[in-house]
Amino acid sequence: MKIKDNTSAVLREVDRRSTEALNESAAFVKAIAKRDVVVKTGKLQRSIDAETVEEAGIKKAVIGSPLNYAPIIETEQPFLRPALHGSLNFIRKVFRVR
């Protein structure tokens, strides 16, 4: 009997699925943050974005705004942290084995 090693194929599929779940989760949190942010001019709302980055072999989602006043708004009238906390059940479902 010959044994075939499928380790690399399995690892590629795990990486693909986890990246897909991370992107889906980030998009969901981004949408909630955009919906819930206080809007005066709309500039902050339009600037909220999400991206997946890899640092030291670890993938993570970064959601936020490059505007210099975004951290002040987040401190005074949070929109990112509540978006994340309100999305936890969705994120848990997305990362379950399908």
PDB file of N, CA and C in Angstrom:
ATOM      1  N   MET A   1       0.843  -1.177   0.000  1.00  0.00           N
ATOM      2  CA  MET A   1       0.000   0.000   0.000  1.00  0.00           C
ATOM      3  C   MET A   1       0.891   1.243   0.000  1.00  0.00           C
ATOM      4  N   LYS A   2       0.555   2.180  -0.871  1.00  0.00           N
ATOM      5  CA  LYS A   2       1.318   3.415  -0.988  1.00  0.00           C
ATOM      6  C   LYS A   2       0.547   4.530  -0.295  1.00  0.00           C
ATOM      7  N   ILE A   3       1.250   5.320   0.490  1.00  0.00           N
ATOM      8  CA  ILE A   3       0.646   6.435   1.216  1.00  0.00           C
ATOM      9  C   ILE A   3       1.035   7.732   0.521  1.00  0.00           C
ATOM     10  N   LYS A   4       0.021   8.547   0.248  1.00  0.00           N
ATOM     11  CA  LYS A   4       0.271   9.830  -0.408  1.00  0.00           C
ATOM     12  C   LYS A   4       0.222  10.935   0.650  1.00  0.00           C
ATOM     13  N   ASP A   5       1.201  11.804   0.644  1.00  0.00           N
ATOM     14  CA  ASP A   5       1.263  12.923   1.592  1.00  0.00           C
ATOM     15  C   ASP A   5       0.550  14.135   0.988  1.00  0.00           C
ATOM     16  N   ASN A   6      -0.596  14.478   1.561  1.00  0.00           N
ATOM     17  CA  ASN A   6      -1.380  15.619   1.093  1.00  0.00           C
ATOM     18  C   ASN A   6      -1.234  16.835   2.011  1.00  0.00           C
ATOM     19  N   THR A   7      -0.226  16.846   2.839  1.00  0.00           N
ATOM     20  CA  THR A   7      -0.051  17.911   3.816  1.00  0.00           C
ATOM     21  C   THR A   7      -0.029  19.291   3.169  1.00  0.00           C
ATOM     22  N   SER A   8       0.740  19.464   2.117  1.00  0.00           N
ATOM     23  CA  SER A   8       0.852  20.797   1.508  1.00  0.00           C
ATOM     24  C   SER A   8      -0.485  21.248   0.920  1.00  0.00           C
ATOM     25  N   ALA A   9      -1.227  20.344   0.317  1.00  0.00           N
ATOM     26  CA  ALA A   9      -2.539  20.703  -0.243  1.00  0.00           C
ATOM     27  C   ALA A   9      -3.507  21.080   0.871  1.00  0.00           C
ATOM     28  N   VAL A  10      -3.475  20.353   1.965  1.00  0.00           N
ATOM     29  CA  VAL A  10      -4.350  20.651   3.107  1.00  0.00           C
ATOM     30  C   VAL A  10      -3.990  22.009   3.695  1.00  0.00           C
ATOM     31  N   LEU A  11      -2.716  22.282   3.861  1.00  0.00           N
ATOM     32  CA  LEU A  11      -2.283  23.564   4.419  1.00  0.00           C
ATOM     33  C   LEU A  11      -2.665  24.729   3.506  1.00  0.00           C
ATOM     34  N   ARG A  12      -2.561  24.549   2.200  1.00  0.00           N
ATOM     35  CA  ARG A  12      -2.986  25.600   1.261  1.00  0.00           C
ATOM     36  C   ARG A  12      -4.480  25.870   1.393  1.00  0.00           C
ATOM     37  N   GLU A  13      -5.262  24.809   1.528  1.00  0.00           N
ATOM     38  CA  GLU A  13      -6.716  24.969   1.655  1.00  0.00           C
ATOM     39  C   GLU A  13      -7.076  25.635   2.977  1.00  0.00           C
ATOM     40  N   VAL A  14      -6.398  25.285   4.047  1.00  0.00           N
ATOM     41  CA  VAL A  14      -6.631  25.938   5.341  1.00  0.00           C
ATOM     42  C   VAL A  14      -6.303  27.419   5.244  1.00  0.00           C
ATOM     43  N   ASP A  15      -5.192  27.742   4.598  1.00  0.00           N
ATOM     44  CA  ASP A  15      -4.796  29.144   4.434  1.00  0.00           C
ATOM     45  C   ASP A  15      -5.825  29.898   3.596  1.00  0.00           C
ATOM     46  N   ARG A  16      -6.284  29.289   2.517  1.00  0.00           N
ATOM     47  CA  ARG A  16      -7.274  29.928   1.646  1.00  0.00           C
ATOM     48  C   ARG A  16      -8.576  30.191   2.397  1.00  0.00           C
ATOM     49  N   ARG A  17      -9.050  29.200   3.124  1.00  0.00           N
ATOM     50  CA  ARG A  17     -10.316  29.347   3.846  1.00  0.00           C
ATOM     51  C   ARG A  17     -10.211  30.341   4.998  1.00  0.00           C
ATOM     52  N   SER A  18      -9.086  30.324   5.697  1.00  0.00           N
ATOM     53  CA  SER A  18      -8.942  31.259   6.814  1.00  0.00           C
ATOM     54  C   SER A  18      -8.816  32.694   6.309  1.00  0.00           C
ATOM     55  N   THR A  19      -8.129  32.893   5.190  1.00  0.00           N
ATOM     56  CA  THR A  19      -8.030  34.226   4.596  1.00  0.00           C
ATOM     57  C   THR A  19      -9.407  34.700   4.127  1.00  0.00           C
ATOM     58  N   GLU A  20     -10.160  33.810   3.525  1.00  0.00           N
ATOM     59  CA  GLU A  20     -11.516  34.136   3.079  1.00  0.00           C
ATOM     60  C   GLU A  20     -12.396  34.528   4.277  1.00  0.00           C
ATOM     61  N   ALA A  21     -12.308  33.782   5.355  1.00  0.00           N
ATOM     62  CA  ALA A  21     -13.101  34.080   6.560  1.00  0.00           C
ATOM     63  C   ALA A  21     -12.660  35.401   7.186  1.00  0.00           C
ATOM     64  N   LEU A  22     -11.365  35.664   7.193  1.00  0.00           N
ATOM     65  CA  LEU A  22     -10.854  36.916   7.741  1.00  0.00           C
ATOM     66  C   LEU A  22     -11.346  38.101   6.915  1.00  0.00           C
ATOM     67  N   ASN A  23     -11.292  37.980   5.589  1.00  0.00           N
ATOM     68  CA  ASN A  23     -11.775  39.057   4.716  1.00  0.00           C
ATOM     69  C   ASN A  23     -13.271  39.294   4.894  1.00  0.00           C
ATOM     70  N   GLU A  24     -14.034  38.218   4.989  1.00  0.00           N
ATOM     71  CA  GLU A  24     -15.478  38.338   5.173  1.00  0.00           C
ATOM     72  C   GLU A  24     -15.801  39.002   6.510  1.00  0.00           C
ATOM     73  N   SER A  25     -15.078  38.614   7.543  1.00  0.00           N
ATOM     74  CA  SER A  25     -15.284  39.204   8.871  1.00  0.00           C
ATOM     75  C   SER A  25     -14.928  40.686   8.875  1.00  0.00           C
ATOM     76  N   ALA A  26     -13.815  41.032   8.249  1.00  0.00           N
ATOM     77  CA  ALA A  26     -13.379  42.428   8.198  1.00  0.00           C
ATOM     78  C   ALA A  26     -14.385  43.288   7.438  1.00  0.00           C
ATOM     79  N   ALA A  27     -14.905  42.772   6.351  1.00  0.00           N
ATOM     80  CA  ALA A  27     -15.896  43.519   5.567  1.00  0.00           C
ATOM     81  C   ALA A  27     -17.167  43.753   6.387  1.00  0.00           C
ATOM     82  N   PHE A  28     -17.550  42.769   7.183  1.00  0.00           N
ATOM     83  CA  PHE A  28     -18.749  42.897   8.014  1.00  0.00           C
ATOM     84  C   PHE A  28     -18.545  43.971   9.084  1.00  0.00           C
ATOM     85  N   VAL A  29     -17.406  43.925   9.783  1.00  0.00           N
ATOM     86  CA  VAL A  29     -17.113  44.920  10.820  1.00  0.00           C
ATOM     87  C   VAL A  29     -17.028  46.308  10.205  1.00  0.00           C
ATOM     88  N   LYS A  30     -16.396  46.420   9.052  1.00  0.00           N
ATOM     89  CA  LYS A  30     -16.288  47.700   8.342  1.00  0.00           C
ATOM     90  C   LYS A  30     -17.674  48.263   8.032  1.00  0.00           C
ATOM     91  N   ALA A  31     -18.562  47.419   7.553  1.00  0.00           N
ATOM     92  CA  ALA A  31     -19.916  47.873   7.213  1.00  0.00           C
ATOM     93  C   ALA A  31     -20.660  48.371   8.454  1.00  0.00           C
ATOM     94  N   ILE A  32     -20.514  47.684   9.564  1.00  0.00           N
ATOM     95  CA  ILE A  32     -21.173  48.103  10.807  1.00  0.00           C
ATOM     96  C   ILE A  32     -20.583  49.432  11.281  1.00  0.00           C
ATOM     97  N   ALA A  33     -19.263  49.561  11.227  1.00  0.00           N
ATOM     98  CA  ALA A  33     -18.606  50.808  11.652  1.00  0.00           C
ATOM     99  C   ALA A  33     -19.067  51.978  10.776  1.00  0.00           C
ATOM    100  N   LYS A  34     -19.142  51.772   9.479  1.00  0.00           N
ATOM    101  CA  LYS A  34     -19.597  52.838   8.570  1.00  0.00           C
ATOM    102  C   LYS A  34     -21.043  53.218   8.852  1.00  0.00           C
ATOM    103  N   ARG A  35     -21.848  52.230   9.181  1.00  0.00           N
ATOM    104  CA  ARG A  35     -23.252  52.495   9.475  1.00  0.00           C
ATOM    105  C   ARG A  35     -23.410  53.297  10.758  1.00  0.00           C
ATOM    106  N   ASP A  36     -22.578  53.004  11.760  1.00  0.00           N
ATOM    107  CA  ASP A  36     -22.774  53.555  13.098  1.00  0.00           C
ATOM    108  C   ASP A  36     -21.944  54.797  13.422  1.00  0.00           C
ATOM    109  N   VAL A  37     -20.979  55.160  12.594  1.00  0.00           N
ATOM    110  CA  VAL A  37     -20.147  56.321  12.885  1.00  0.00           C
ATOM    111  C   VAL A  37     -20.986  57.600  12.810  1.00  0.00           C
ATOM    112  N   VAL A  38     -20.665  58.544  13.674  1.00  0.00           N
ATOM    113  CA  VAL A  38     -21.347  59.836  13.650  1.00  0.00           C
ATOM    114  C   VAL A  38     -20.946  60.553  12.364  1.00  0.00           C
ATOM    115  N   VAL A  39     -21.945  61.067  11.661  1.00  0.00           N
ATOM    116  CA  VAL A  39     -21.684  61.706  10.367  1.00  0.00           C
ATOM    117  C   VAL A  39     -21.995  63.191  10.443  1.00  0.00           C
ATOM    118  N   LYS A  40     -20.973  63.992  10.150  1.00  0.00           N
ATOM    119  CA  LYS A  40     -21.176  65.444  10.000  1.00  0.00           C
ATOM    120  C   LYS A  40     -21.005  65.801   8.535  1.00  0.00           C
ATOM    121  N   THR A  41     -19.806  65.520   8.008  1.00  0.00           N
ATOM    122  CA  THR A  41     -19.549  65.806   6.590  1.00  0.00           C
ATOM    123  C   THR A  41     -19.555  64.534   5.752  1.00  0.00           C
ATOM    124  N   GLY A  42     -19.371  63.385   6.386  1.00  0.00           N
ATOM    125  CA  GLY A  42     -19.301  62.108   5.677  1.00  0.00           C
ATOM    126  C   GLY A  42     -17.891  61.691   5.331  1.00  0.00           C
ATOM    127  N   LYS A  43     -16.921  62.586   5.560  1.00  0.00           N
ATOM    128  CA  LYS A  43     -15.534  62.276   5.211  1.00  0.00           C
ATOM    129  C   LYS A  43     -15.006  61.089   6.021  1.00  0.00           C
ATOM    130  N   LEU A  44     -15.257  61.080   7.319  1.00  0.00           N
ATOM    131  CA  LEU A  44     -14.794  59.968   8.160  1.00  0.00           C
ATOM    132  C   LEU A  44     -15.471  58.671   7.737  1.00  0.00           C
ATOM    133  N   GLN A  45     -16.755  58.724   7.523  1.00  0.00           N
ATOM    134  CA  GLN A  45     -17.501  57.528   7.125  1.00  0.00           C
ATOM    135  C   GLN A  45     -16.934  56.943   5.827  1.00  0.00           C
ATOM    136  N   ARG A  46     -16.668  57.794   4.859  1.00  0.00           N
ATOM    137  CA  ARG A  46     -16.124  57.331   3.577  1.00  0.00           C
ATOM    138  C   ARG A  46     -14.699  56.792   3.714  1.00  0.00           C
ATOM    139  N   SER A  47     -13.964  57.255   4.713  1.00  0.00           N
ATOM    140  CA  SER A  47     -12.567  56.862   4.846  1.00  0.00           C
ATOM    141  C   SER A  47     -12.373  55.530   5.572  1.00  0.00           C
ATOM    142  N   ILE A  48     -13.404  55.021   6.210  1.00  0.00           N
ATOM    143  CA  ILE A  48     -13.271  53.755   6.939  1.00  0.00           C
ATOM    144  C   ILE A  48     -13.044  52.638   5.934  1.00  0.00           C
ATOM    145  N   ASP A  49     -11.990  51.860   6.174  1.00  0.00           N
ATOM    146  CA  ASP A  49     -11.644  50.783   5.256  1.00  0.00           C
ATOM    147  C   ASP A  49     -11.129  49.587   6.042  1.00  0.00           C
ATOM    148  N   ALA A  50     -11.006  48.466   5.359  1.00  0.00           N
ATOM    149  CA  ALA A  50     -10.490  47.246   5.970  1.00  0.00           C
ATOM    150  C   ALA A  50      -9.501  46.603   5.012  1.00  0.00           C
ATOM    151  N   GLU A  51      -8.461  46.045   5.577  1.00  0.00           N
ATOM    152  CA  GLU A  51      -7.500  45.312   4.767  1.00  0.00           C
ATOM    153  C   GLU A  51      -6.932  44.163   5.587  1.00  0.00           C
ATOM    154  N   THR A  52      -6.486  43.150   4.894  1.00  0.00           N
ATOM    155  CA  THR A  52      -5.843  42.016   5.541  1.00  0.00           C
ATOM    156  C   THR A  52      -4.343  42.173   5.344  1.00  0.00           C
ATOM    157  N   VAL A  53      -3.617  42.079   6.429  1.00  0.00           N
ATOM    158  CA  VAL A  53      -2.160  42.200   6.367  1.00  0.00           C
ATOM    159  C   VAL A  53      -1.531  40.973   7.030  1.00  0.00           C
ATOM    160  N   GLU A  54      -0.291  40.736   6.697  1.00  0.00           N
ATOM    161  CA  GLU A  54       0.441  39.630   7.308  1.00  0.00           C
ATOM    162  C   GLU A  54       1.714  40.180   7.916  1.00  0.00           C
ATOM    163  N   GLU A  55       1.893  39.894   9.183  1.00  0.00           N
ATOM    164  CA  GLU A  55       3.103  40.320   9.899  1.00  0.00           C
ATOM    165  C   GLU A  55       3.680  39.111  10.623  1.00  0.00           C
ATOM    166  N   ALA A  56       4.923  38.830  10.355  1.00  0.00           N
ATOM    167  CA  ALA A  56       5.614  37.710  10.983  1.00  0.00           C
ATOM    168  C   ALA A  56       4.838  36.407  10.797  1.00  0.00           C
ATOM    169  N   GLY A  57       4.256  36.234   9.611  1.00  0.00           N
ATOM    170  CA  GLY A  57       3.534  35.007   9.310  1.00  0.00           C
ATOM    171  C   GLY A  57       2.133  34.920   9.885  1.00  0.00           C
ATOM    172  N   ILE A  58       1.660  35.993  10.505  1.00  0.00           N
ATOM    173  CA  ILE A  58       0.325  36.007  11.093  1.00  0.00           C
ATOM    174  C   ILE A  58      -0.543  36.982  10.314  1.00  0.00           C
ATOM    175  N   LYS A  59      -1.670  36.487   9.820  1.00  0.00           N
ATOM    176  CA  LYS A  59      -2.599  37.341   9.084  1.00  0.00           C
ATOM    177  C   LYS A  59      -3.568  37.978  10.065  1.00  0.00           C
ATOM    178  N   LYS A  60      -3.883  39.247   9.799  1.00  0.00           N
ATOM    179  CA  LYS A  60      -4.851  39.948  10.633  1.00  0.00           C
ATOM    180  C   LYS A  60      -5.572  40.984   9.785  1.00  0.00           C
ATOM    181  N   ALA A  61      -6.736  41.368  10.262  1.00  0.00           N
ATOM    182  CA  ALA A  61      -7.513  42.397   9.590  1.00  0.00           C
ATOM    183  C   ALA A  61      -7.288  43.719  10.314  1.00  0.00           C
ATOM    184  N   VAL A  62      -7.117  44.760   9.537  1.00  0.00           N
ATOM    185  CA  VAL A  62      -6.965  46.104  10.080  1.00  0.00           C
ATOM    186  C   VAL A  62      -8.133  46.928   9.540  1.00  0.00           C
ATOM    187  N   ILE A  63      -8.917  47.464  10.466  1.00  0.00           N
ATOM    188  CA  ILE A  63     -10.097  48.233  10.100  1.00  0.00           C
ATOM    189  C   ILE A  63      -9.978  49.600  10.751  1.00  0.00           C
ATOM    190  N   GLY A  64     -10.138  50.646   9.981  1.00  0.00           N
ATOM    191  CA  GLY A  64     -10.032  51.976  10.558  1.00  0.00           C
ATOM    192  C   GLY A  64     -10.018  53.047   9.495  1.00  0.00           C
ATOM    193  N   SER A  65      -9.538  54.209   9.895  1.00  0.00           N
ATOM    194  CA  SER A  65      -9.494  55.372   9.024  1.00  0.00           C
ATOM    195  C   SER A  65      -8.114  56.016   9.121  1.00  0.00           C
ATOM    196  N   PRO A  66      -7.582  56.498   8.015  1.00  0.00           N
ATOM    197  CA  PRO A  66      -6.298  57.189   8.061  1.00  0.00           C
ATOM    198  C   PRO A  66      -6.404  58.646   8.506  1.00  0.00           C
ATOM    199  N   LEU A  67      -7.618  59.138   8.681  1.00  0.00           N
ATOM    200  CA  LEU A  67      -7.783  60.544   9.061  1.00  0.00           C
ATOM    201  C   LEU A  67      -7.227  60.784  10.456  1.00  0.00           C
ATOM    202  N   ASN A  68      -6.519  61.910  10.617  1.00  0.00           N
ATOM    203  CA  ASN A  68      -5.855  62.185  11.896  1.00  0.00           C
ATOM    204  C   ASN A  68      -6.829  62.402  13.049  1.00  0.00           C
ATOM    205  N   TYR A  69      -8.074  62.754  12.776  1.00  0.00           N
ATOM    206  CA  TYR A  69      -9.027  62.980  13.862  1.00  0.00           C
ATOM    207  C   TYR A  69      -9.878  61.739  14.177  1.00  0.00           C
ATOM    208  N   ALA A  70      -9.705  60.657  13.424  1.00  0.00           N
ATOM    209  CA  ALA A  70     -10.484  59.438  13.664  1.00  0.00           C
ATOM    210  C   ALA A  70     -10.304  58.892  15.083  1.00  0.00           C
ATOM    211  N   PRO A  71      -9.072  58.855  15.630  1.00  0.00           N
ATOM    212  CA  PRO A  71      -8.922  58.360  17.009  1.00  0.00           C
ATOM    213  C   PRO A  71      -9.655  59.221  18.041  1.00  0.00           C
ATOM    214  N   ILE A  72      -9.744  60.502  17.785  1.00  0.00           N
ATOM    215  CA  ILE A  72     -10.462  61.391  18.706  1.00  0.00           C
ATOM    216  C   ILE A  72     -11.951  61.056  18.696  1.00  0.00           C
ATOM    217  N   ILE A  73     -12.505  60.887  17.503  1.00  0.00           N
ATOM    218  CA  ILE A  73     -13.924  60.519  17.388  1.00  0.00           C
ATOM    219  C   ILE A  73     -14.155  59.161  18.035  1.00  0.00           C
ATOM    220  N   GLU A  74     -13.252  58.212  17.801  1.00  0.00           N
ATOM    221  CA  GLU A  74     -13.391  56.868  18.396  1.00  0.00           C
ATOM    222  C   GLU A  74     -13.392  56.945  19.914  1.00  0.00           C
ATOM    223  N   THR A  75     -12.616  57.862  20.481  1.00  0.00           N
ATOM    224  CA  THR A  75     -12.577  58.032  21.936  1.00  0.00           C
ATOM    225  C   THR A  75     -13.854  58.677  22.456  1.00  0.00           C
ATOM    226  N   GLU A  76     -14.345  59.669  21.741  1.00  0.00           N
ATOM    227  CA  GLU A  76     -15.519  60.423  22.200  1.00  0.00           C
ATOM    228  C   GLU A  76     -16.837  59.730  21.870  1.00  0.00           C
ATOM    229  N   GLN A  77     -16.927  59.176  20.680  1.00  0.00           N
ATOM    230  CA  GLN A  77     -18.154  58.508  20.228  1.00  0.00           C
ATOM    231  C   GLN A  77     -17.766  57.234  19.480  1.00  0.00           C
ATOM    232  N   PRO A  78     -17.418  56.192  20.236  1.00  0.00           N
ATOM    233  CA  PRO A  78     -16.880  54.968  19.623  1.00  0.00           C
ATOM    234  C   PRO A  78     -17.762  54.396  18.519  1.00  0.00           C
ATOM    235  N   PHE A  79     -17.090  53.958  17.463  1.00  0.00           N
ATOM    236  CA  PHE A  79     -17.784  53.300  16.356  1.00  0.00           C
ATOM    237  C   PHE A  79     -17.063  52.033  15.929  1.00  0.00           C
ATOM    238  N   LEU A  80     -15.745  51.959  16.117  1.00  0.00           N
ATOM    239  CA  LEU A  80     -14.998  50.762  15.726  1.00  0.00           C
ATOM    240  C   LEU A  80     -15.130  49.641  16.757  1.00  0.00           C
ATOM    241  N   ARG A  81     -14.873  49.959  18.009  1.00  0.00           N
ATOM    242  CA  ARG A  81     -14.975  48.914  19.042  1.00  0.00           C
ATOM    243  C   ARG A  81     -16.374  48.339  19.136  1.00  0.00           C
ATOM    244  N   PRO A  82     -17.426  49.159  19.151  1.00  0.00           N
ATOM    245  CA  PRO A  82     -18.770  48.574  19.170  1.00  0.00           C
ATOM    246  C   PRO A  82     -19.062  47.731  17.918  1.00  0.00           C
ATOM    247  N   ALA A  83     -18.519  48.143  16.774  1.00  0.00           N
ATOM    248  CA  ALA A  83     -18.721  47.360  15.545  1.00  0.00           C
ATOM    249  C   ALA A  83     -18.085  45.981  15.688  1.00  0.00           C
ATOM    250  N   LEU A  84     -16.891  45.936  16.244  1.00  0.00           N
ATOM    251  CA  LEU A  84     -16.221  44.653  16.453  1.00  0.00           C
ATOM    252  C   LEU A  84     -16.984  43.802  17.458  1.00  0.00           C
ATOM    253  N   HIS A  85     -17.301  44.372  18.606  1.00  0.00           N
ATOM    254  CA  HIS A  85     -17.989  43.600  19.649  1.00  0.00           C
ATOM    255  C   HIS A  85     -19.367  43.134  19.178  1.00  0.00           C
ATOM    256  N   GLY A  86     -20.051  43.950  18.410  1.00  0.00           N
ATOM    257  CA  GLY A  86     -21.357  43.574  17.893  1.00  0.00           C
ATOM    258  C   GLY A  86     -21.295  42.542  16.778  1.00  0.00           C
ATOM    259  N   SER A  87     -20.109  42.297  16.253  1.00  0.00           N
ATOM    260  CA  SER A  87     -19.926  41.355  15.150  1.00  0.00           C
ATOM    261  C   SER A  87     -19.367  40.012  15.597  1.00  0.00           C
ATOM    262  N   LEU A  88     -19.095  39.845  16.863  1.00  0.00           N
ATOM    263  CA  LEU A  88     -18.416  38.632  17.325  1.00  0.00           C
ATOM    264  C   LEU A  88     -19.163  37.345  16.991  1.00  0.00           C
ATOM    265  N   ASN A  89     -20.475  37.333  17.133  1.00  0.00           N
ATOM    266  CA  ASN A  89     -21.225  36.110  16.784  1.00  0.00           C
ATOM    267  C   ASN A  89     -21.094  35.797  15.298  1.00  0.00           C
ATOM    268  N   PHE A  90     -21.168  36.820  14.463  1.00  0.00           N
ATOM    269  CA  PHE A  90     -20.987  36.627  13.022  1.00  0.00           C
ATOM    270  C   PHE A  90     -19.596  36.075  12.737  1.00  0.00           C
ATOM    271  N   ILE A  91     -18.583  36.653  13.354  1.00  0.00           N
ATOM    272  CA  ILE A  91     -17.199  36.224  13.129  1.00  0.00           C
ATOM    273  C   ILE A  91     -17.014  34.779  13.573  1.00  0.00           C
ATOM    274  N   ARG A  92     -17.581  34.426  14.708  1.00  0.00           N
ATOM    275  CA  ARG A  92     -17.490  33.034  15.169  1.00  0.00           C
ATOM    276  C   ARG A  92     -18.106  32.079  14.143  1.00  0.00           C
ATOM    277  N   LYS A  93     -19.245  32.446  13.585  1.00  0.00           N
ATOM    278  CA  LYS A  93     -19.894  31.592  12.583  1.00  0.00           C
ATOM    279  C   LYS A  93     -19.045  31.471  11.329  1.00  0.00           C
ATOM    280  N   VAL A  94     -18.444  32.562  10.904  1.00  0.00           N
ATOM    281  CA  VAL A  94     -17.637  32.556   9.673  1.00  0.00           C
ATOM    282  C   VAL A  94     -16.422  31.647   9.831  1.00  0.00           C
ATOM    283  N   PHE A  95     -15.844  31.599  11.013  1.00  0.00           N
ATOM    284  CA  PHE A  95     -14.636  30.811  11.216  1.00  0.00           C
ATOM    285  C   PHE A  95     -14.907  29.353  11.592  1.00  0.00           C
ATOM    286  N   ARG A  96     -16.159  28.989  11.756  1.00  0.00           N
ATOM    287  CA  ARG A  96     -16.464  27.570  11.994  1.00  0.00           C
ATOM    288  C   ARG A  96     -16.132  26.776  10.751  1.00  0.00           C
ATOM    289  N   VAL A  97     -15.773  25.542  10.960  1.00  0.00           N
ATOM    290  CA  VAL A  97     -15.450  24.661   9.829  1.00  0.00           C
ATOM    291  C   VAL A  97     -16.707  24.469   8.999  1.00  0.00           C
ATOM    292  N   ARG A  98     -16.578  24.680   7.711  1.00  0.00           N
ATOM    293  CA  ARG A  98     -17.736  24.575   6.800  1.00  0.00           C
ATOM    294  C   ARG A  98     -17.776  23.228   6.154  1.00  0.00           C
TER     295      ARG A  98
END
